[in-house]
PDB file of N, CA and C in Angstrom:
ATOM      1  N   MET A   1      42.007 -19.863  -2.009  1.00  0.00           N
ATOM      2  CA  MET A   1      41.169 -19.844  -1.761  1.00  0.00           C
ATOM      3  C   MET A   1      40.635 -19.835  -0.840  1.00  0.00           C
ATOM      4  N   LYS A   2      41.129 -19.599   0.019  1.00  0.00           N
ATOM      5  CA  LYS A   2      40.163 -18.979   1.794  1.00  0.00           C
ATOM      6  C   LYS A   2      39.520 -18.399   1.897  1.00  0.00           C
ATOM      7  N   SER A   3      40.365 -16.717   0.727  1.00  0.00           N
ATOM      8  CA  SER A   3      39.099 -15.695   0.175  1.00  0.00           C
ATOM      9  C   SER A   3      37.846 -15.590  -0.217  1.00  0.00           C
ATOM     10  N   ASP A   4      38.076 -16.929  -1.141  1.00  0.00           N
ATOM     11  CA  ASP A   4      36.543 -17.022  -2.162  1.00  0.00           C
ATOM     12  C   ASP A   4      36.445 -17.661  -1.036  1.00  0.00           C
ATOM     13  N   ARG A   5      36.270 -18.108   0.103  1.00  0.00           N
ATOM     14  CA  ARG A   5      35.291 -19.375   0.391  1.00  0.00           C
ATOM     15  C   ARG A   5      34.439 -18.003   1.951  1.00  0.00           C
ATOM     16  N   LYS A   6      35.815 -17.503   2.790  1.00  0.00           N
ATOM     17  CA  LYS A   6      34.751 -15.913   3.652  1.00  0.00           C
ATOM     18  C   LYS A   6      33.625 -14.886   2.431  1.00  0.00           C
ATOM     19  N   THR A   7      33.681 -14.999   1.061  1.00  0.00           N
ATOM     20  CA  THR A   7      33.838 -13.969   0.066  1.00  0.00           C
ATOM     21  C   THR A   7      31.970 -14.955   0.455  1.00  0.00           C
ATOM     22  N   ALA A   8      31.823 -15.776  -0.415  1.00  0.00           N
ATOM     23  CA  ALA A   8      30.648 -16.516  -0.635  1.00  0.00           C
ATOM     24  C   ALA A   8      30.193 -17.169   1.117  1.00  0.00           C
ATOM     25  N   LEU A   9      30.456 -16.886   2.210  1.00  0.00           N
ATOM     26  CA  LEU A   9      30.317 -16.852   3.296  1.00  0.00           C
ATOM     27  C   LEU A   9      29.210 -15.349   3.714  1.00  0.00           C
ATOM     28  N   GLY A  10      30.136 -14.383   3.446  1.00  0.00           N
ATOM     29  CA  GLY A  10      29.684 -13.058   3.416  1.00  0.00           C
ATOM     30  C   GLY A  10      28.853 -12.838   3.503  1.00  0.00           C
ATOM     31  N   ARG A  11      28.454 -13.631   1.354  1.00  0.00           N
ATOM     32  CA  ARG A  11      27.575 -12.886   0.922  1.00  0.00           C
ATOM     33  C   ARG A  11      26.170 -13.833   1.323  1.00  0.00           C
ATOM     34  N   ARG A  12      26.539 -15.264   1.467  1.00  0.00           N
ATOM     35  CA  ARG A  12      25.216 -16.264   2.011  1.00  0.00           C
ATOM     36  C   ARG A  12      24.654 -15.484   3.225  1.00  0.00           C
ATOM     37  N   LEU A  13      25.294 -15.312   4.699  1.00  0.00           N
ATOM     38  CA  LEU A  13      24.728 -13.848   5.781  1.00  0.00           C
ATOM     39  C   LEU A  13      24.056 -12.853   5.096  1.00  0.00           C
ATOM     40  N   PHE A  14      24.504 -11.908   4.248  1.00  0.00           N
ATOM     41  CA  PHE A  14      23.392 -11.230   3.843  1.00  0.00           C
ATOM     42  C   PHE A  14      22.630 -11.501   3.479  1.00  0.00           C
ATOM     43  N   LEU A  15      22.282 -12.257   2.026  1.00  0.00           N
ATOM     44  CA  LEU A  15      20.782 -12.370   2.132  1.00  0.00           C
ATOM     45  C   LEU A  15      20.367 -13.091   3.510  1.00  0.00           C
ATOM     46  N   ARG A  16      21.180 -14.222   3.639  1.00  0.00           N
ATOM     47  CA  ARG A  16      19.921 -14.577   4.519  1.00  0.00           C
ATOM     48  C   ARG A  16      19.325 -13.320   5.714  1.00  0.00           C
ATOM     49  N   THR A  17      20.062 -12.869   6.573  1.00  0.00           N
ATOM     50  CA  THR A  17      20.538 -11.381   6.324  1.00  0.00           C
ATOM     51  C   THR A  17      18.721 -10.206   6.436  1.00  0.00           C
ATOM     52  N   LEU A  18      19.435 -10.672   4.661  1.00  0.00           N
ATOM     53  CA  LEU A  18      18.088  -9.871   3.972  1.00  0.00           C
ATOM     54  C   LEU A  18      16.591 -10.514   4.065  1.00  0.00           C
ATOM     55  N   GLY A  19      16.558 -10.811   3.718  1.00  0.00           N
ATOM     56  CA  GLY A  19      14.764 -12.174   4.102  1.00  0.00           C
ATOM     57  C   GLY A  19      14.920 -12.675   5.672  1.00  0.00           C
ATOM     58  N   ALA A  20      15.874 -12.218   6.215  1.00  0.00           N
ATOM     59  CA  ALA A  20      14.650 -12.150   7.721  1.00  0.00           C
ATOM     60  C   ALA A  20      14.727 -11.420   7.331  1.00  0.00           C
ATOM     61  N   GLY A  21      14.880  -9.765   7.353  1.00  0.00           N
ATOM     62  CA  GLY A  21      14.641  -8.019   7.860  1.00  0.00           C
ATOM     63  C   GLY A  21      12.858  -8.230   6.501  1.00  0.00           C
ATOM     64  N   ALA A  22      13.397  -9.038   5.557  1.00  0.00           N
ATOM     65  CA  ALA A  22      12.272  -8.493   4.833  1.00  0.00           C
ATOM     66  C   ALA A  22      10.728  -9.412   4.928  1.00  0.00           C
ATOM     67  N   ALA A  23      11.177 -10.369   5.780  1.00  0.00           N
ATOM     68  CA  ALA A  23       9.580 -11.361   6.457  1.00  0.00           C
ATOM     69  C   ALA A  23       9.425 -10.482   7.592  1.00  0.00           C
ATOM     70  N   ALA A  24      10.004  -9.630   8.295  1.00  0.00           N
ATOM     71  CA  ALA A  24       9.623  -9.710   9.659  1.00  0.00           C
ATOM     72  C   ALA A  24       9.201  -8.545   9.397  1.00  0.00           C
ATOM     73  N   ALA A  25       9.637  -7.217   8.411  1.00  0.00           N
ATOM     74  CA  ALA A  25       9.618  -6.202   7.625  1.00  0.00           C
ATOM     75  C   ALA A  25       7.406  -6.448   7.344  1.00  0.00           C
ATOM     76  N   ALA A  26       7.003  -7.509   6.758  1.00  0.00           N
ATOM     77  CA  ALA A  26       5.917  -7.813   6.062  1.00  0.00           C
ATOM     78  C   ALA A  26       5.220  -8.484   7.561  1.00  0.00           C
ATOM     79  N   ALA A  27       5.520  -8.800   8.612  1.00  0.00           N
ATOM     80  CA  ALA A  27       5.231  -9.394   9.408  1.00  0.00           C
ATOM     81  C   ALA A  27       4.279  -8.066  10.065  1.00  0.00           C
ATOM     82  N   VAL A  28       4.961  -6.599  10.464  1.00  0.00           N
ATOM     83  CA  VAL A  28       4.942  -5.835  11.170  1.00  0.00           C
ATOM     84  C   VAL A  28       3.688  -5.275  10.817  1.00  0.00           C
ATOM     85  N   PRO A  29       3.381  -4.731   9.533  1.00  0.00           N
ATOM     86  CA  PRO A  29       1.975  -4.802   9.171  1.00  0.00           C
ATOM     87  C   PRO A  29       0.675  -5.744   9.684  1.00  0.00           C
ATOM     88  N   LEU A  30       0.979  -6.687   9.635  1.00  0.00           N
ATOM     89  CA  LEU A  30      -0.674  -7.684   9.658  1.00  0.00           C
ATOM     90  C   LEU A  30      -0.482  -7.610  11.475  1.00  0.00           C
ATOM     91  N   ALA A  31       0.735  -7.108  11.781  1.00  0.00           N
ATOM     92  CA  ALA A  31       0.130  -7.172  13.594  1.00  0.00           C
ATOM     93  C   ALA A  31      -0.585  -6.760  13.818  1.00  0.00           C
ATOM     94  N   THR A  32      -1.363  -5.046  13.265  1.00  0.00           N
ATOM     95  CA  THR A  32      -1.727  -4.070  13.944  1.00  0.00           C
ATOM     96  C   THR A  32      -3.066  -4.509  14.649  1.00  0.00           C
ATOM     97  N   ASP A  33      -3.357  -3.921  15.054  1.00  0.00           N
ATOM     98  CA  ASP A  33      -4.939  -3.942  15.632  1.00  0.00           C
ATOM     99  C   ASP A  33      -5.729  -3.222  14.470  1.00  0.00           C
ATOM    100  N   ALA A  34      -7.311  -4.106  14.627  1.00  0.00           N
ATOM    101  CA  ALA A  34      -8.365  -3.540  13.286  1.00  0.00           C
ATOM    102  C   ALA A  34      -9.429  -1.896  14.293  1.00  0.00           C
ATOM    103  N   GLU A  35      -9.647  -1.233  13.128  1.00  0.00           N
ATOM    104  CA  GLU A  35     -10.249  -0.466  13.753  1.00  0.00           C
ATOM    105  C   GLU A  35     -12.061  -0.831  12.971  1.00  0.00           C
ATOM    106  N   ALA A  36     -12.203  -0.061  14.563  1.00  0.00           N
ATOM    107  CA  ALA A  36     -14.011  -0.811  14.008  1.00  0.00           C
ATOM    108  C   ALA A  36     -14.227   1.034  13.188  1.00  0.00           C
ATOM    109  N   ASP A  37     -14.989   0.815  12.410  1.00  0.00           N
ATOM    110  CA  ASP A  37     -16.434   1.781  11.719  1.00  0.00           C
ATOM    111  C   ASP A  37     -16.509   2.351  12.286  1.00  0.00           C
ATOM    112  N   ASN A  38     -16.797   3.456  12.801  1.00  0.00           N
ATOM    113  CA  ASN A  38     -17.327   4.779  13.625  1.00  0.00           C
ATOM    114  C   ASN A  38     -18.236   5.006  12.890  1.00  0.00           C
ATOM    115  N   ALA A  39     -18.770   5.353  11.841  1.00  0.00           N
ATOM    116  CA  ALA A  39     -19.424   6.079  10.952  1.00  0.00           C
ATOM    117  C   ALA A  39     -20.845   5.930  11.207  1.00  0.00           C
ATOM    118  N   SER A  40     -21.846   6.990  10.862  1.00  0.00           N
ATOM    119  CA  SER A  40     -23.427   6.252  11.537  1.00  0.00           C
ATOM    120  C   SER A  40     -24.396   5.563  10.272  1.00  0.00           C
ATOM    121  N   GLU A  41     -24.896   5.034  10.400  1.00  0.00           N
ATOM    122  CA  GLU A  41     -25.408   5.252   8.981  1.00  0.00           C
ATOM    123  C   GLU A  41     -26.337   6.559   8.000  1.00  0.00           C
ATOM    124  N   ASP A  42     -26.765   7.144   8.578  1.00  0.00           N
ATOM    125  CA  ASP A  42     -26.100   8.386   7.636  1.00  0.00           C
ATOM    126  C   ASP A  42     -25.261   8.543   7.362  1.00  0.00           C
ATOM    127  N   GLU A  43     -24.611   8.836   7.751  1.00  0.00           N
ATOM    128  CA  GLU A  43     -22.704   8.863   7.135  1.00  0.00           C
ATOM    129  C   GLU A  43     -22.515   8.318   5.819  1.00  0.00           C
ATOM    130  N   LYS A  44     -23.673   7.019   6.036  1.00  0.00           N
ATOM    131  CA  LYS A  44     -23.005   5.613   4.964  1.00  0.00           C
ATOM    132  C   LYS A  44     -23.941   5.447   3.871  1.00  0.00           C
ATOM    133  N   ARG A  45     -25.084   6.595   4.081  1.00  0.00           N
ATOM    134  CA  ARG A  45     -25.460   6.536   3.124  1.00  0.00           C
ATOM    135  C   ARG A  45     -25.305   7.590   2.208  1.00  0.00           C
ATOM    136  N   LYS A  46     -25.046   8.973   2.701  1.00  0.00           N
ATOM    137  CA  LYS A  46     -24.975   9.793   2.459  1.00  0.00           C
ATOM    138  C   LYS A  46     -24.313   9.898   0.773  1.00  0.00           C
ATOM    139  N   ALA A  47     -25.060  11.302  -0.210  1.00  0.00           N
ATOM    140  CA  ALA A  47     -24.773  11.338  -0.785  1.00  0.00           C
ATOM    141  C   ALA A  47     -23.183  12.044  -1.284  1.00  0.00           C
ATOM    142  N   ARG A  48     -22.388  11.494  -1.830  1.00  0.00           N
ATOM    143  CA  ARG A  48     -20.555  12.058  -1.420  1.00  0.00           C
ATOM    144  C   ARG A  48     -20.840  12.555  -3.173  1.00  0.00           C
ATOM    145  N   TYR A  49     -21.209  12.291  -3.952  1.00  0.00           N
ATOM    146  CA  TYR A  49     -20.872  12.696  -5.748  1.00  0.00           C
ATOM    147  C   TYR A  49     -21.086  13.674  -4.945  1.00  0.00           C
ATOM    148  N   ARG A  50     -20.971  15.358  -5.636  1.00  0.00           N
ATOM    149  CA  ARG A  50     -21.699  16.004  -6.445  1.00  0.00           C
ATOM    150  C   ARG A  50     -21.173  16.065  -7.939  1.00  0.00           C
ATOM    151  N   GLU A  51     -22.294  17.042  -8.665  1.00  0.00           N
ATOM    152  CA  GLU A  51     -21.690  16.930 -10.244  1.00  0.00           C
ATOM    153  C   GLU A  51     -21.260  19.031  -9.836  1.00  0.00           C
ATOM    154  N   SER A  52     -19.804  19.158  -9.402  1.00  0.00           N
ATOM    155  CA  SER A  52     -19.637  20.067  -9.835  1.00  0.00           C
ATOM    156  C   SER A  52     -19.322  21.278 -11.170  1.00  0.00           C
ATOM    157  N   GLU A  53     -19.228  22.446 -11.155  1.00  0.00           N
ATOM    158  CA  GLU A  53     -18.689  22.980 -12.197  1.00  0.00           C
ATOM    159  C   GLU A  53     -17.246  22.042 -13.518  1.00  0.00           C
ATOM    160  N   GLU A  54     -16.411  22.059 -11.836  1.00  0.00           N
ATOM    161  CA  GLU A  54     -15.082  21.136 -12.729  1.00  0.00           C
ATOM    162  C   GLU A  54     -15.275  20.050 -13.183  1.00  0.00           C
ATOM    163  N   VAL A  55     -16.585  19.207 -12.594  1.00  0.00           N
ATOM    164  CA  VAL A  55     -17.255  17.965 -13.147  1.00  0.00           C
ATOM    165  C   VAL A  55     -17.078  18.511 -13.801  1.00  0.00           C
ATOM    166  N   LYS A  56     -18.310  18.736 -14.351  1.00  0.00           N
ATOM    167  CA  LYS A  56     -19.072  19.343 -15.896  1.00  0.00           C
ATOM    168  C   LYS A  56     -17.886  19.678 -16.565  1.00  0.00           C
ATOM    169  N   THR A  57     -17.292  20.247 -16.320  1.00  0.00           N
ATOM    170  CA  THR A  57     -15.372  21.333 -17.566  1.00  0.00           C
ATOM    171  C   THR A  57     -15.372  19.328 -17.817  1.00  0.00           C
ATOM    172  N   TYR A  58     -14.764  18.136 -17.091  1.00  0.00           N
ATOM    173  CA  TYR A  58     -13.827  17.515 -16.991  1.00  0.00           C
ATOM    174  C   TYR A  58     -15.334  16.089 -18.603  1.00  0.00           C
ATOM    175  N   TYR A  59     -16.114  16.902 -17.734  1.00  0.00           N
ATOM    176  CA  TYR A  59     -16.974  15.294 -18.477  1.00  0.00           C
ATOM    177  C   TYR A  59     -17.421  16.970 -20.105  1.00  0.00           C
ATOM    178  N   ARG A  60     -16.917  17.080 -20.125  1.00  0.00           N
ATOM    179  CA  ARG A  60     -17.480  18.394 -21.464  1.00  0.00           C
ATOM    180  C   ARG A  60     -16.018  17.953 -22.513  1.00  0.00           C
ATOM    181  N   VAL A  61     -14.904  18.343 -21.849  1.00  0.00           N
ATOM    182  CA  VAL A  61     -13.271  18.366 -22.253  1.00  0.00           C
ATOM    183  C   VAL A  61     -13.529  16.863 -23.050  1.00  0.00           C
ATOM    184  N   ASN A  62     -13.737  15.521 -21.951  1.00  0.00           N
ATOM    185  CA  ASN A  62     -13.476  14.704 -23.051  1.00  0.00           C
ATOM    186  C   ASN A  62     -14.954  14.014 -23.204  1.00  0.00           C
ATOM    187  N   ARG A  63     -15.842  14.723 -23.896  1.00  0.00           N
ATOM    188  CA  ARG A  63     -17.030  14.074 -24.410  1.00  0.00           C
ATOM    189  C   ARG A  63     -17.718  13.445 -24.074  1.00  0.00           C
ATOM    190  N   TYR A  64     -17.654  13.153 -22.648  1.00  0.00           N
ATOM    191  CA  TYR A  64     -18.419  12.227 -22.384  1.00  0.00           C
ATOM    192  C   TYR A  64     -19.885  12.559 -21.845  1.00  0.00           C
ATOM    193  N   PRO A  65     -20.997  12.064 -22.689  1.00  0.00           N
ATOM    194  CA  PRO A  65     -21.985  12.571 -22.561  1.00  0.00           C
ATOM    195  C   PRO A  65     -22.675  12.928 -20.788  1.00  0.00           C
ATOM    196  N   THR A  66     -23.515  13.895 -20.398  1.00  0.00           N
ATOM    197  CA  THR A  66     -23.697  14.959 -20.207  1.00  0.00           C
ATOM    198  C   THR A  66     -25.456  14.627 -18.784  1.00  0.00           C
TER     199      THR A  66
END
């Protein structure tokens, strides 16, 4: 009976440690500092989408209207 009790306490300790470790791991990314946006206004407003040959081929193959 005592060996069953030791095993039960061992499992409880393991699960308690596992839970504490998960909580600590989840808190670490939240503790980082926020970075400022360093892009200029022109960089924010520039067009990023280009209809290249690969994009045209994708549309043609998947039958999207161009």
